[in-house]
């Protein structure tokens, strides 16, 4: 696997404060909706697509609309598409040069044009023999140097060779980070918490501290002993306000229990700022670096995720996870369109959102261990593709980006499936596993099916229920009272994908992660947006600094609240009032 890596710039970016030097140019280009491929799809949609109930009767169509890669089976026959629709979507992918753009990504081209950065999360799970370069310099060597360092350190901690300040072994880890510095790692941690991988974490605890709410600190630390706890501060710049406040809070917790000398033994860092790490009291030798070509929401494959997860599950487990992600990377770049899982899922996302007008979509994992997949993909997808302008700054003239949400399996059925069936149309990804990581079979004791079969009965039933629905004629035949027929009618024609995976293992978890990462990239490349910046998170932070300064002055010296609109001023006055602590406003 050796993508084209020709570059013109001369140095590997190391400083997290990126300049715009070397920015890959963005020439003026027409928006994708002016292309013949887009117009053909629009005309095709206008001509009318039959109801899914009718489409699903066409066995030739159903047999054509699926794809398999290794242990993953994708059935997309329950989307409101015909074989003609798919041909037109493949034409659109060609028009947008989707696979070509992924190859540019793999070649280290600075496709994040607004920040002048390469986008190289594929390099994070590269094999030592792969070739990835940024600015003409190899990045595979540095990536594997960090992985080697992670292995050595995690082995030392897990074996008990590394001792805390009182001579006790480290058995608990609290990972301090927010957004991309936590969501992906938490997803993987939960996904591996049952099954064979979980045995490697026996007797160990892994907590995540993200929210700056002090209650989050209490929840993360309540069961931990400072003597046996290691904290990992995860911040590229070591300046993220929420993370650093939480880090100082945990540092204080350690120092109060064990003294200042304990900090280097109980705190490490994932960062790109060794001076700030040292100033904090952490030994820079125990800093595990990542690079400015790693976006936060794509960083679980870097030290951000691999360090805490290796401490908990062991490095060998996480090496399997990285291999799984790499397998999807290679598949994406080499598989034909009809067999290319990320491409298929991304194109169907474009169809459902931009052409069918569905502004939301859901992930329904029929596996409790995958409960954090949806929250992670919320960030991956919405922070990436929640954009209003194209790469050249021109405002989009078509709908792009979706609201993502989800809950595990039958929990979601008793929460929001009512809306799916009889309210708004929400495309759904159903994700299920053939094998359970915790099988329970009481059929010999009178149960009809095993627990996993009961769960998966719903996995197989729900997509058909959404697709077919139930009409007034069927209800009349069942003797439903006339006045109740409107209430019990299910329109159907609700699109969904089914992802059926062999088992939930470190390897397949890596595959699922990369599959969704690249689905997001496919959609962004089609829409012509920058899926790799996130300026939308900044304005609130800037205004937050102004509020923080006001609170400090008001709490400290009773300064008058000023400089805000009347609504915010009123709420700040309520918030800072100390005249009646029991006040109900």
Protein backbone atom coordinates (compact mmCIF):
# COMPACT_ATOMS: atom_id res chain seq x y z
CA UNK A 1 0.00 0.00 0.00
CA UNK A 2 1.97 2.99 -1.27
CA UNK A 3 -0.08 6.05 -2.17
CA UNK A 4 1.49 8.84 -4.19
CA UNK A 5 3.46 10.84 -1.64
CA UNK A 6 5.11 13.54 -3.74
CA UNK A 7 5.29 16.83 -1.81
CA UNK A 8 6.94 20.22 -2.23
CA UNK A 9 7.26 21.60 1.32
CA UNK A 10 10.34 20.75 3.30
CA UNK A 11 9.57 20.06 6.95
CA UNK A 12 7.27 17.88 9.02
CA UNK A 13 4.91 20.15 10.99
CA UNK A 14 5.50 19.77 14.71
CA UNK A 15 4.24 22.98 16.27
CA UNK A 16 0.53 22.65 17.10
CA UNK A 17 0.05 26.30 16.13
CA UNK A 18 -0.33 25.82 12.39
CA UNK A 19 0.43 28.62 9.95
CA UNK A 20 -1.04 28.86 6.49
CA UNK A 21 2.31 28.41 4.79
CA UNK A 22 2.15 25.53 2.36
CA UNK A 23 -1.63 25.59 2.24
CA UNK A 24 -2.94 23.44 -0.58
CA UNK A 25 -4.55 25.96 -2.97
CA UNK A 26 -8.31 25.97 -3.46
CA UNK A 27 -9.02 27.28 -6.94
CA UNK A 28 -12.50 28.63 -7.66
CA UNK A 29 -14.70 25.72 -8.63
CA UNK A 30 -18.42 25.46 -9.35
CA UNK A 31 -20.52 23.84 -6.66
CA UNK A 32 -21.29 20.18 -7.19
CA UNK A 33 -24.99 20.86 -7.75
CA UNK A 34 -24.14 22.55 -11.04
CA UNK A 35 -22.68 19.31 -12.41
CA UNK A 36 -24.51 17.07 -14.86
CA UNK A 37 -24.21 14.17 -12.41
CA UNK A 38 -26.07 16.11 -9.69
CA UNK A 39 -28.71 17.33 -12.13
CA UNK A 40 -29.27 13.78 -13.37
CA UNK A 41 -29.85 12.57 -9.82
CA UNK A 42 -32.23 15.43 -9.12
CA UNK A 43 -34.25 14.63 -12.26
CA UNK A 44 -34.21 10.94 -11.31
CA UNK A 45 -35.60 11.75 -7.85
CA UNK A 46 -38.29 13.99 -9.34
CA UNK A 47 -39.39 11.24 -11.74
CA UNK A 48 -40.46 9.18 -8.74
CA UNK A 49 -39.01 6.20 -6.84
CA UNK A 50 -41.42 3.35 -6.07
CA UNK A 51 -42.40 2.60 -2.46
CA UNK A 52 -39.98 0.30 -0.64
CA UNK A 53 -42.72 -2.28 -0.31
CA UNK A 54 -42.66 -2.59 -4.08
CA UNK A 55 -38.88 -2.28 -4.40
CA UNK A 56 -38.31 -5.11 -1.92
CA UNK A 57 -40.38 -7.47 -4.11
CA UNK A 58 -37.73 -7.19 -6.83
CA UNK A 59 -35.36 -9.99 -5.85
CA UNK A 60 -32.85 -9.06 -8.56
CA UNK A 61 -32.62 -5.55 -7.11
CA UNK A 62 -32.36 -6.83 -3.53
CA UNK A 63 -29.62 -9.28 -4.49
CA UNK A 64 -27.66 -6.45 -6.13
CA UNK A 65 -27.81 -3.98 -3.26
CA UNK A 66 -25.40 -5.49 -0.77
CA UNK A 67 -21.66 -5.74 -0.29
CA UNK A 68 -19.28 -7.74 1.90
CA UNK A 69 -15.78 -7.06 3.14
CA UNK A 70 -14.08 -9.56 5.40
CA UNK A 71 -16.51 -10.12 8.29
CA UNK A 72 -18.81 -7.17 7.52
CA UNK A 73 -21.99 -7.48 5.45
CA UNK A 74 -23.78 -4.32 4.30
CA UNK A 75 -27.36 -4.65 3.04
CA UNK A 76 -28.58 -1.33 1.64
CA UNK A 77 -31.61 -2.69 -0.23
CA UNK A 78 -33.98 -0.89 2.17
CA UNK A 79 -32.91 2.52 0.91
CA UNK A 80 -35.27 4.29 -1.47
CA UNK A 81 -33.01 3.58 -4.43
CA UNK A 82 -33.08 1.57 -7.61
CA UNK A 83 -30.10 0.14 -9.47
CA UNK A 84 -30.36 3.23 -11.68
CA UNK A 85 -30.09 5.45 -8.58
CA UNK A 86 -26.87 3.70 -7.62
CA UNK A 87 -25.41 4.13 -11.11
CA UNK A 88 -26.13 7.85 -10.91
CA UNK A 89 -24.60 8.06 -7.43
CA UNK A 90 -21.44 6.39 -8.71
CA UNK A 91 -21.38 8.96 -11.51
CA UNK A 92 -21.62 11.67 -8.85
CA UNK A 93 -18.70 10.14 -6.96
CA UNK A 94 -16.67 10.19 -10.16
CA UNK A 95 -17.66 13.79 -10.84
CA UNK A 96 -16.54 14.79 -7.33
CA UNK A 97 -13.37 12.65 -7.65
CA UNK A 98 -14.10 11.12 -4.25
CA UNK A 99 -11.58 8.27 -4.35
CA UNK A 100 -9.03 10.57 -5.95
CA UNK A 101 -9.41 12.95 -3.02
CA UNK A 102 -8.91 10.12 -0.53
CA UNK A 103 -5.72 9.24 -2.41
CA UNK A 104 -4.63 12.86 -2.10
CA UNK A 105 -5.34 12.58 1.62
CA UNK A 106 -3.22 9.44 1.87
CA UNK A 107 -0.48 11.16 -0.13
CA UNK A 108 -0.17 13.89 2.51
CA UNK A 109 -1.62 16.70 0.41
CA UNK A 110 -2.90 19.53 2.58
CA UNK A 111 -6.58 19.00 1.90
CA UNK A 112 -7.49 20.90 5.09
CA UNK A 113 -7.01 24.12 3.17
CA UNK A 114 -8.35 26.56 5.76
CA UNK A 115 -5.71 25.49 8.28
CA UNK A 116 -2.97 24.47 5.86
CA UNK A 117 -2.79 20.92 7.18
CA UNK A 118 -2.55 17.41 5.89
CA UNK A 119 -5.16 14.93 7.12
CA UNK A 120 -3.34 11.73 7.99
CA UNK A 121 -5.33 9.59 10.41
CA UNK A 122 -4.78 6.68 8.00
CA UNK A 123 -1.06 6.93 8.77
CA UNK A 124 -1.76 6.35 12.46
CA UNK A 125 -2.72 2.73 11.78
CA UNK A 126 -0.14 2.10 9.06
CA UNK A 127 2.01 -1.01 8.93
CA UNK A 128 5.76 -0.35 9.28
CA UNK A 129 6.17 -1.13 5.56
CA UNK A 130 3.51 1.38 4.44
CA UNK A 131 4.58 4.72 3.06
CA UNK A 132 2.98 7.97 4.19
CA UNK A 133 4.65 11.35 3.97
CA UNK A 134 3.85 14.92 4.96
CA UNK A 135 5.85 17.76 3.46
CA UNK A 136 8.13 15.19 1.83
CA UNK A 137 9.07 13.57 5.13
CA UNK A 138 8.19 10.10 6.35
CA UNK A 139 5.58 9.93 9.11
CA UNK A 140 5.32 6.15 9.44
CA UNK A 141 8.61 6.01 11.36
CA UNK A 142 7.53 8.62 13.93
CA UNK A 143 4.10 6.98 14.28
CA UNK A 144 5.65 3.60 15.05
CA UNK A 145 8.21 5.18 17.38
CA UNK A 146 5.33 6.51 19.48
CA UNK A 147 3.54 3.15 19.33
CA UNK A 148 6.73 1.43 20.48
CA UNK A 149 7.00 3.89 23.35
CA UNK A 150 3.35 3.30 24.28
CA UNK A 151 3.92 -0.46 24.31
CA UNK A 152 6.99 -0.21 26.52
CA UNK A 153 5.32 2.14 28.98
CA UNK A 154 2.00 0.30 29.17
CA UNK A 155 3.77 -3.04 29.60
CA UNK A 156 5.79 -1.54 32.45
CA UNK A 157 2.68 -0.22 34.20
CA UNK A 158 0.56 -3.32 33.65
CA UNK A 159 3.31 -5.67 34.88
CA UNK A 160 3.63 -3.74 38.13
CA UNK A 161 7.21 -2.70 37.40
CA UNK A 162 6.10 0.96 37.45
CA UNK A 163 5.30 1.93 41.02
CA UNK A 164 3.35 4.83 42.41
CA UNK A 165 4.66 7.18 45.11
CA UNK A 166 3.91 4.71 47.91
CA UNK A 167 5.31 1.70 46.08
CA UNK A 168 1.98 0.32 44.95
CA UNK A 169 1.28 -0.76 41.37
CA UNK A 170 -0.98 1.33 39.16
CA UNK A 171 -4.33 -0.36 38.55
CA UNK A 172 -6.58 2.61 37.69
CA UNK A 173 -6.36 5.20 34.93
CA UNK A 174 -8.30 8.43 34.50
CA UNK A 175 -8.04 9.94 31.02
CA UNK A 176 -8.57 13.71 31.06
CA UNK A 177 -9.61 15.20 27.73
CA UNK A 178 -12.65 16.53 25.91
CA UNK A 179 -14.24 16.13 22.48
CA UNK A 180 -11.96 14.16 20.20
CA UNK A 181 -9.60 13.61 23.10
CA UNK A 182 -12.16 11.39 24.77
CA UNK A 183 -15.20 10.33 22.72
CA UNK A 184 -13.40 7.88 20.45
CA UNK A 185 -11.40 6.29 23.26
CA UNK A 186 -14.53 5.92 25.38
CA UNK A 187 -16.34 4.26 22.47
CA UNK A 188 -13.55 1.70 22.07
CA UNK A 189 -13.25 1.14 25.82
CA UNK A 190 -16.95 0.31 26.09
CA UNK A 191 -16.96 -1.84 22.95
CA UNK A 192 -14.20 -4.06 24.34
CA UNK A 193 -15.59 -4.23 27.88
CA UNK A 194 -17.05 -7.71 27.30
CA UNK A 195 -15.63 -10.66 25.42
CA UNK A 196 -12.06 -11.99 25.26
CA UNK A 197 -10.45 -8.53 25.27
CA UNK A 198 -12.09 -7.73 28.60
CA UNK A 199 -10.06 -10.46 30.33
CA UNK A 200 -6.95 -8.36 29.77
CA UNK A 201 -8.51 -5.58 31.86
CA UNK A 202 -9.34 -7.78 34.84
CA UNK A 203 -8.66 -5.90 38.08
CA UNK A 204 -8.15 -2.64 36.26
CA UNK A 205 -10.29 0.53 36.03
CA UNK A 206 -10.46 3.11 33.25
CA UNK A 207 -12.38 6.36 33.78
CA UNK A 208 -12.82 9.33 31.47
CA UNK A 209 -13.03 12.92 32.69
CA UNK A 210 -14.27 15.34 30.04
CA UNK A 211 -16.98 17.66 31.30
CA UNK A 212 -15.75 20.63 33.29
CA UNK A 213 -18.72 20.23 35.64
CA UNK A 214 -17.26 19.42 39.10
CA UNK A 215 -19.79 16.62 39.38
CA UNK A 216 -17.92 14.91 36.54
CA UNK A 217 -14.74 15.07 38.64
CA UNK A 218 -16.51 13.48 41.58
CA UNK A 219 -17.95 10.73 39.39
CA UNK A 220 -14.58 9.95 37.82
CA UNK A 221 -12.62 9.87 41.07
CA UNK A 222 -15.17 8.57 43.58
CA UNK A 223 -13.99 4.94 43.37
CA UNK A 224 -10.30 5.61 42.74
CA UNK A 225 -7.37 5.54 45.17
CA UNK A 226 -4.66 8.14 44.45
CA UNK A 227 -2.00 5.60 45.42
CA UNK A 228 -2.95 3.28 42.55
CA UNK A 229 -4.20 5.84 40.00
CA UNK A 230 -2.49 7.30 36.96
CA UNK A 231 -3.95 10.37 35.23
CA UNK A 232 -3.39 11.03 31.53
CA UNK A 233 -3.76 14.66 30.46
CA UNK A 234 -4.73 14.72 26.78
CA UNK A 235 -4.32 18.08 25.08
CA UNK A 236 -2.29 18.87 21.98
CA UNK A 237 -1.51 22.42 23.10
CA UNK A 238 -1.92 21.88 26.86
CA UNK A 239 -4.14 24.99 26.85
CA UNK A 240 -7.67 23.58 26.37
CA UNK A 241 -9.58 25.37 29.14
CA UNK A 242 -11.84 22.54 30.26
CA UNK A 243 -9.12 19.89 30.10
CA UNK A 244 -6.53 21.92 31.95
CA UNK A 245 -8.94 22.90 34.73
CA UNK A 246 -9.81 19.25 35.20
CA UNK A 247 -6.11 18.34 35.04
CA UNK A 248 -5.24 20.87 37.76
CA UNK A 249 -8.12 19.54 39.85
CA UNK A 250 -6.88 15.95 39.58
CA UNK A 251 -3.31 17.10 40.20
CA UNK A 252 -4.46 18.74 43.43
CA UNK A 253 -6.26 15.50 44.41
CA UNK A 254 -3.00 13.57 43.93
CA UNK A 255 -0.79 16.13 45.68
CA UNK A 256 -3.09 16.42 48.70
CA UNK A 257 -2.97 12.66 49.15
CA UNK A 258 0.62 11.87 48.19
CA UNK A 259 2.63 15.10 48.02
CA UNK A 260 4.17 17.08 45.17
CA UNK A 261 6.76 14.40 44.47
CA UNK A 262 3.99 12.05 43.36
CA UNK A 263 3.01 14.04 40.26
CA UNK A 264 5.62 12.57 37.85
CA UNK A 265 4.75 9.07 39.05
CA UNK A 266 0.98 9.46 38.75
CA UNK A 267 0.53 11.78 35.77
CA UNK A 268 1.52 11.45 32.12
CA UNK A 269 0.52 13.39 29.00
CA UNK A 270 -0.55 12.99 25.40
CA UNK A 271 0.47 16.29 23.86
CA UNK A 272 2.62 18.12 21.36
CA UNK A 273 3.82 20.76 23.87
CA UNK A 274 6.71 19.35 25.96
CA UNK A 275 7.55 22.67 27.63
CA UNK A 276 4.03 23.10 28.96
CA UNK A 277 3.94 19.45 30.02
CA UNK A 278 7.17 19.96 31.99
CA UNK A 279 5.88 23.17 33.59
CA UNK A 280 2.83 21.22 34.78
CA UNK A 281 5.11 18.82 36.66
CA UNK A 282 4.90 15.89 34.27
CA UNK A 283 8.14 14.32 33.08
CA UNK A 284 8.41 15.12 29.34
CA UNK A 285 9.82 11.62 28.87
CA UNK A 286 6.32 10.44 29.72
CA UNK A 287 4.70 12.58 27.04
CA UNK A 288 3.28 10.65 24.11
CA UNK A 289 3.08 12.89 21.09
CA UNK A 290 0.68 13.32 18.23
CA UNK A 291 0.80 15.70 15.31
CA UNK A 292 -1.08 18.65 13.88
CA UNK A 293 -2.14 16.48 10.94
CA UNK A 294 -4.27 14.49 13.38
CA UNK A 295 -7.72 16.04 13.83
CA UNK A 296 -9.14 15.58 17.31
CA UNK A 297 -12.21 13.64 16.21
CA UNK A 298 -9.97 11.32 14.17
CA UNK A 299 -7.35 10.88 16.90
CA UNK A 300 -8.44 7.69 18.67
CA UNK A 301 -5.88 5.81 16.55
CA UNK A 302 -3.13 8.06 17.93
CA UNK A 303 -1.67 8.22 21.44
CA UNK A 304 -4.90 10.00 22.43
CA UNK A 305 -6.73 6.67 22.37
CA UNK A 306 -4.04 4.04 22.20
CA UNK A 307 -2.25 5.16 25.39
CA UNK A 308 -5.18 4.91 27.85
CA UNK A 309 -6.61 1.87 26.07
CA UNK A 310 -3.24 0.07 26.12
CA UNK A 311 -2.91 0.71 29.85
CA UNK A 312 -6.34 -0.86 30.31
CA UNK A 313 -6.49 -3.66 27.73
CA UNK A 314 -2.82 -4.15 26.81
CA UNK A 315 -0.97 -2.99 23.73
CA UNK A 316 -1.49 -6.24 21.81
CA UNK A 317 -5.26 -5.72 21.98
CA UNK A 318 -4.94 -2.21 20.60
CA UNK A 319 -2.59 -3.38 17.86
CA UNK A 320 -5.45 -5.59 16.63
CA UNK A 321 -7.76 -2.57 16.72
CA UNK A 322 -5.34 -0.61 14.56
CA UNK A 323 -5.08 -3.51 12.10
CA UNK A 324 -8.86 -3.52 11.75
CA UNK A 325 -8.95 0.20 10.99
CA UNK A 326 -6.12 -0.18 8.48
CA UNK A 327 -8.02 -2.93 6.68
CA UNK A 328 -10.87 -0.49 5.96
CA UNK A 329 -8.39 2.21 4.89
CA UNK A 330 -6.95 -0.15 2.30
CA UNK A 331 -10.39 -1.36 1.26
CA UNK A 332 -11.56 2.23 0.73
CA UNK A 333 -8.64 3.06 -1.56
CA UNK A 334 -8.76 -0.13 -3.64
CA UNK A 335 -12.25 -1.67 -3.75
CA UNK A 336 -14.51 -1.17 -6.80
CA UNK A 337 -17.45 1.18 -6.16
CA UNK A 338 -20.11 -1.53 -5.81
CA UNK A 339 -17.97 -3.35 -3.24
CA UNK A 340 -16.66 -0.28 -1.39
CA UNK A 341 -18.46 -0.10 1.95
CA UNK A 342 -17.49 3.46 3.02
CA UNK A 343 -18.21 4.79 -0.46
CA UNK A 344 -21.63 3.10 -0.56
CA UNK A 345 -22.62 4.38 2.89
CA UNK A 346 -21.43 7.90 2.12
CA UNK A 347 -23.23 8.09 -1.22
CA UNK A 348 -26.44 6.84 0.37
CA UNK A 349 -26.02 9.53 3.01
CA UNK A 350 -25.75 12.17 0.29
CA UNK A 351 -28.84 10.75 -1.44
CA UNK A 352 -30.92 10.70 1.73
CA UNK A 353 -29.91 14.16 2.93
CA UNK A 354 -29.35 16.27 -0.19
CA UNK A 355 -31.87 14.68 -2.56
CA UNK A 356 -34.52 13.17 -0.27
CA UNK A 357 -34.41 15.97 2.30
CA UNK A 358 -33.79 13.90 5.43
CA UNK A 359 -31.90 16.16 7.84
CA UNK A 360 -31.34 13.53 10.54
CA UNK A 361 -30.10 9.96 10.74
CA UNK A 362 -29.73 7.42 13.50
CA UNK A 363 -27.33 4.67 14.48
CA UNK A 364 -29.06 1.71 16.14
CA UNK A 365 -26.47 -0.75 17.46
CA UNK A 366 -27.99 -4.02 18.58
CA UNK A 367 -25.05 -4.54 20.93
CA UNK A 368 -24.86 -2.92 24.35
CA UNK A 369 -21.07 -2.68 24.13
CA UNK A 370 -21.46 -0.28 21.20
CA UNK A 371 -23.46 2.22 23.26
CA UNK A 372 -20.86 4.96 22.72
CA UNK A 373 -20.63 4.59 18.93
CA UNK A 374 -23.43 7.08 18.26
CA UNK A 375 -22.02 9.80 20.57
CA UNK A 376 -18.60 9.42 18.93
CA UNK A 377 -20.02 9.56 15.40
CA UNK A 378 -22.06 12.59 16.39
CA UNK A 379 -18.78 14.44 16.72
CA UNK A 380 -17.00 12.77 13.79
CA UNK A 381 -19.83 13.58 11.41
CA UNK A 382 -21.40 16.78 12.71
CA UNK A 383 -18.12 18.56 13.48
CA UNK A 384 -16.75 17.46 10.11
CA UNK A 385 -19.72 18.11 7.83
CA UNK A 386 -21.69 20.72 9.74
CA UNK A 387 -20.63 23.38 7.25
CA UNK A 388 -22.45 26.07 5.29
CA UNK A 389 -19.80 26.97 2.71
CA UNK A 390 -17.75 25.11 0.13
CA UNK A 391 -13.95 24.94 0.13
CA UNK A 392 -13.77 28.15 -1.88
CA UNK A 393 -15.93 30.01 0.66
CA UNK A 394 -19.05 30.05 -1.49
CA UNK A 395 -22.29 29.42 0.39
CA UNK A 396 -23.82 26.02 -0.34
CA UNK A 397 -26.98 26.06 -2.43
CA UNK A 398 -28.12 22.60 -1.35
CA UNK A 399 -28.71 20.85 2.00
CA UNK A 400 -25.64 19.15 3.45
CA UNK A 401 -24.81 17.55 6.79
CA UNK A 402 -27.11 15.62 9.10
CA UNK A 403 -28.00 15.54 12.77
CA UNK A 404 -26.74 12.18 14.07
CA UNK A 405 -28.04 10.39 17.14
CA UNK A 406 -28.69 6.91 18.45
CA UNK A 407 -29.13 4.47 21.31
CA UNK A 408 -28.37 0.76 21.65
CA UNK A 409 -30.89 -1.71 20.26
CA UNK A 410 -34.10 -2.25 22.11
CA UNK A 411 -33.45 0.80 24.32
CA UNK A 412 -33.96 2.99 21.27
CA UNK A 413 -37.09 1.09 20.27
CA UNK A 414 -38.73 2.19 23.51
CA UNK A 415 -37.45 5.73 23.13
CA UNK A 416 -37.66 7.24 19.63
CA UNK A 417 -38.76 4.52 17.21
CA UNK A 418 -42.31 5.86 17.47
CA UNK A 419 -41.12 8.87 15.49
CA UNK A 420 -39.26 6.62 13.04
CA UNK A 421 -42.38 4.62 12.22
CA UNK A 422 -45.12 7.26 12.25
CA UNK A 423 -43.44 10.66 12.44
CA UNK A 424 -40.53 12.15 10.56
CA UNK A 425 -38.49 10.04 8.17
CA UNK A 426 -35.12 9.26 9.77
CA UNK A 427 -32.71 7.01 7.86
CA UNK A 428 -31.27 4.41 10.23
CA UNK A 429 -28.09 2.34 10.31
CA UNK A 430 -28.82 -0.96 12.06
CA UNK A 431 -25.62 -2.54 13.40
CA UNK A 432 -25.64 -6.09 14.76
CA UNK A 433 -23.27 -8.96 15.53
CA UNK A 434 -23.71 -12.63 14.69
CA UNK A 435 -21.95 -13.74 17.88
CA UNK A 436 -22.57 -12.36 21.35
CA UNK A 437 -19.67 -11.53 23.64
CA UNK A 438 -21.74 -12.74 26.58
CA UNK A 439 -24.01 -15.56 25.41
CA UNK A 440 -26.90 -16.62 27.64
CA UNK A 441 -29.01 -19.57 26.50
CA UNK A 442 -31.82 -20.71 28.77
CA UNK A 443 -33.81 -22.55 26.09
CA UNK A 444 -33.41 -25.77 28.09
CA UNK A 445 -35.09 -23.99 30.99
CA UNK A 446 -38.13 -23.04 28.97
CA UNK A 447 -37.07 -19.90 27.11
CA UNK A 448 -38.02 -19.88 23.43
CA UNK A 449 -34.74 -18.40 22.20
CA UNK A 450 -31.41 -17.32 23.63
CA UNK A 451 -31.00 -13.76 24.88
CA UNK A 452 -28.92 -12.81 21.85
CA UNK A 453 -31.49 -14.30 19.48
CA UNK A 454 -34.18 -12.23 21.20
CA UNK A 455 -32.10 -9.11 20.66
CA UNK A 456 -31.35 -9.93 17.03
CA UNK A 457 -34.99 -10.77 16.30
CA UNK A 458 -35.55 -7.04 16.69
CA UNK A 459 -32.52 -6.22 14.54
CA UNK A 460 -34.01 -8.18 11.64
CA UNK A 461 -37.62 -7.08 12.19
CA UNK A 462 -37.26 -3.32 12.54
CA UNK A 463 -35.77 -2.56 9.09
CA UNK A 464 -38.63 -4.46 7.41
CA UNK A 465 -41.22 -2.75 9.58
CA UNK A 466 -39.82 0.64 8.58
CA UNK A 467 -39.64 -0.31 4.90
CA UNK A 468 -43.01 -2.02 4.46
CA UNK A 469 -45.19 -0.24 7.01
CA UNK A 470 -48.82 -1.26 7.47
CA UNK A 471 -51.64 0.26 5.45
CA UNK A 472 -55.37 0.85 6.05
CA UNK A 473 -56.42 -2.22 4.01
CA UNK A 474 -54.37 -4.56 6.20
CA UNK A 475 -55.81 -2.95 9.31
CA UNK A 476 -59.36 -3.34 8.02
CA UNK A 477 -58.75 -7.05 7.39
CA UNK A 478 -57.60 -7.35 10.99
CA UNK A 479 -60.86 -5.81 12.18
CA UNK A 480 -59.37 -2.61 13.51
CA UNK A 481 -62.05 -0.04 14.34
CA UNK A 482 -62.46 2.55 11.60
CA UNK A 483 -61.72 5.49 13.88
CA UNK A 484 -58.41 3.89 14.95
CA UNK A 485 -57.12 3.11 11.47
CA UNK A 486 -55.41 6.51 10.96
CA UNK A 487 -53.68 6.09 14.32
CA UNK A 488 -52.47 2.58 13.56
CA UNK A 489 -51.37 3.18 9.97
CA UNK A 490 -47.62 2.88 9.31
CA UNK A 491 -46.66 4.65 6.04
CA UNK A 492 -43.46 2.63 5.60
CA UNK A 493 -40.96 3.68 2.92
CA UNK A 494 -38.47 4.56 5.68
CA UNK A 495 -34.86 3.92 4.54
CA UNK A 496 -32.23 1.99 6.45
CA UNK A 497 -28.91 0.17 6.14
CA UNK A 498 -28.10 -3.11 7.87
CA UNK A 499 -24.52 -3.81 8.96
CA UNK A 500 -24.09 -7.40 10.12
CA UNK A 501 -20.68 -8.15 11.64
CA UNK A 502 -19.22 -11.50 12.72
CA UNK A 503 -18.35 -10.53 16.30
CA UNK A 504 -17.39 -7.52 18.40
CA UNK A 505 -13.61 -7.89 18.61
CA UNK A 506 -10.76 -5.36 18.73
CA UNK A 507 -10.25 -5.90 14.99
CA UNK A 508 -13.90 -5.37 14.00
CA UNK A 509 -14.26 -2.38 16.34
CA UNK A 510 -11.37 -0.80 14.42
CA UNK A 511 -13.14 -1.62 11.17
CA UNK A 512 -16.44 -0.08 12.27
CA UNK A 513 -14.65 3.06 13.46
CA UNK A 514 -12.81 3.53 10.16
CA UNK A 515 -15.95 2.72 8.17
CA UNK A 516 -17.82 5.62 9.78
CA UNK A 517 -14.82 7.97 9.60
CA UNK A 518 -14.58 7.42 5.87
CA UNK A 519 -18.34 7.59 5.31
CA UNK A 520 -18.09 11.13 6.64
CA UNK A 521 -15.19 11.87 4.31
CA UNK A 522 -17.10 10.57 1.28
CA UNK A 523 -19.99 12.93 1.96
CA UNK A 524 -17.72 15.90 2.55
CA UNK A 525 -15.81 15.28 -0.67
CA UNK A 526 -19.04 15.03 -2.66
CA UNK A 527 -20.37 18.26 -1.17
CA UNK A 528 -17.05 20.04 -1.74
CA UNK A 529 -16.69 21.18 1.87
CA UNK A 530 -13.77 21.01 4.29
CA UNK A 531 -14.57 18.10 6.59
CA UNK A 532 -11.41 18.65 8.61
CA UNK A 533 -11.68 22.09 10.22
CA UNK A 534 -14.08 23.10 12.99
CA UNK A 535 -14.29 26.86 13.29
CA UNK A 536 -17.86 26.48 14.51
CA UNK A 537 -16.65 25.51 17.98
CA UNK A 538 -14.67 28.73 18.48
CA UNK A 539 -17.19 31.57 18.81
CA UNK A 540 -18.81 30.17 21.93
CA UNK A 541 -15.37 29.67 23.48
CA UNK A 542 -14.43 33.32 22.81
CA UNK A 543 -17.63 34.57 24.41
CA UNK A 544 -17.07 32.12 27.25
CA UNK A 545 -13.77 33.84 28.08
CA UNK A 546 -15.61 37.14 28.45
CA UNK A 547 -18.14 35.54 30.81
CA UNK A 548 -15.35 33.85 32.77
CA UNK A 549 -13.56 37.17 33.27
CA UNK A 550 -16.80 38.77 34.45
CA UNK A 551 -17.47 35.97 36.93
CA UNK A 552 -13.95 36.27 38.34
CA UNK A 553 -14.38 40.02 38.89
CA UNK A 554 -17.87 39.73 40.31
CA UNK A 555 -17.00 36.86 42.67
CA UNK A 556 -13.71 38.46 43.68
CA UNK A 557 -14.57 42.13 44.16
CA UNK A 558 -18.30 42.42 43.64
CA UNK A 559 -17.84 44.09 40.25
CA UNK A 560 -21.02 45.06 38.46
CA UNK A 561 -22.06 42.84 35.58
CA UNK A 562 -21.84 44.84 32.38
CA UNK A 563 -21.14 44.51 28.71
CA UNK A 564 -23.78 41.86 27.99
CA UNK A 565 -27.27 42.02 26.56
CA UNK A 566 -30.10 42.41 29.06
CA UNK A 567 -31.06 38.72 28.93
CA UNK A 568 -27.55 37.46 29.71
CA UNK A 569 -27.05 40.21 32.31
CA UNK A 570 -30.21 39.17 34.15
CA UNK A 571 -29.19 35.50 34.23
CA UNK A 572 -25.64 36.35 35.37
CA UNK A 573 -27.07 38.46 38.18
CA UNK A 574 -29.19 35.51 39.29
CA UNK A 575 -26.21 33.18 39.03
CA UNK A 576 -23.85 35.35 41.07
CA UNK A 577 -26.36 36.43 43.71
CA UNK A 578 -25.29 35.41 47.24
CA UNK A 579 -27.94 37.31 49.18
CA UNK A 580 -30.08 34.20 49.55
CA UNK A 581 -28.30 30.89 48.91
CA UNK A 582 -31.63 29.06 49.15
CA UNK A 583 -33.27 31.37 46.64
CA UNK A 584 -35.41 29.89 43.91
CA UNK A 585 -34.47 32.82 41.68
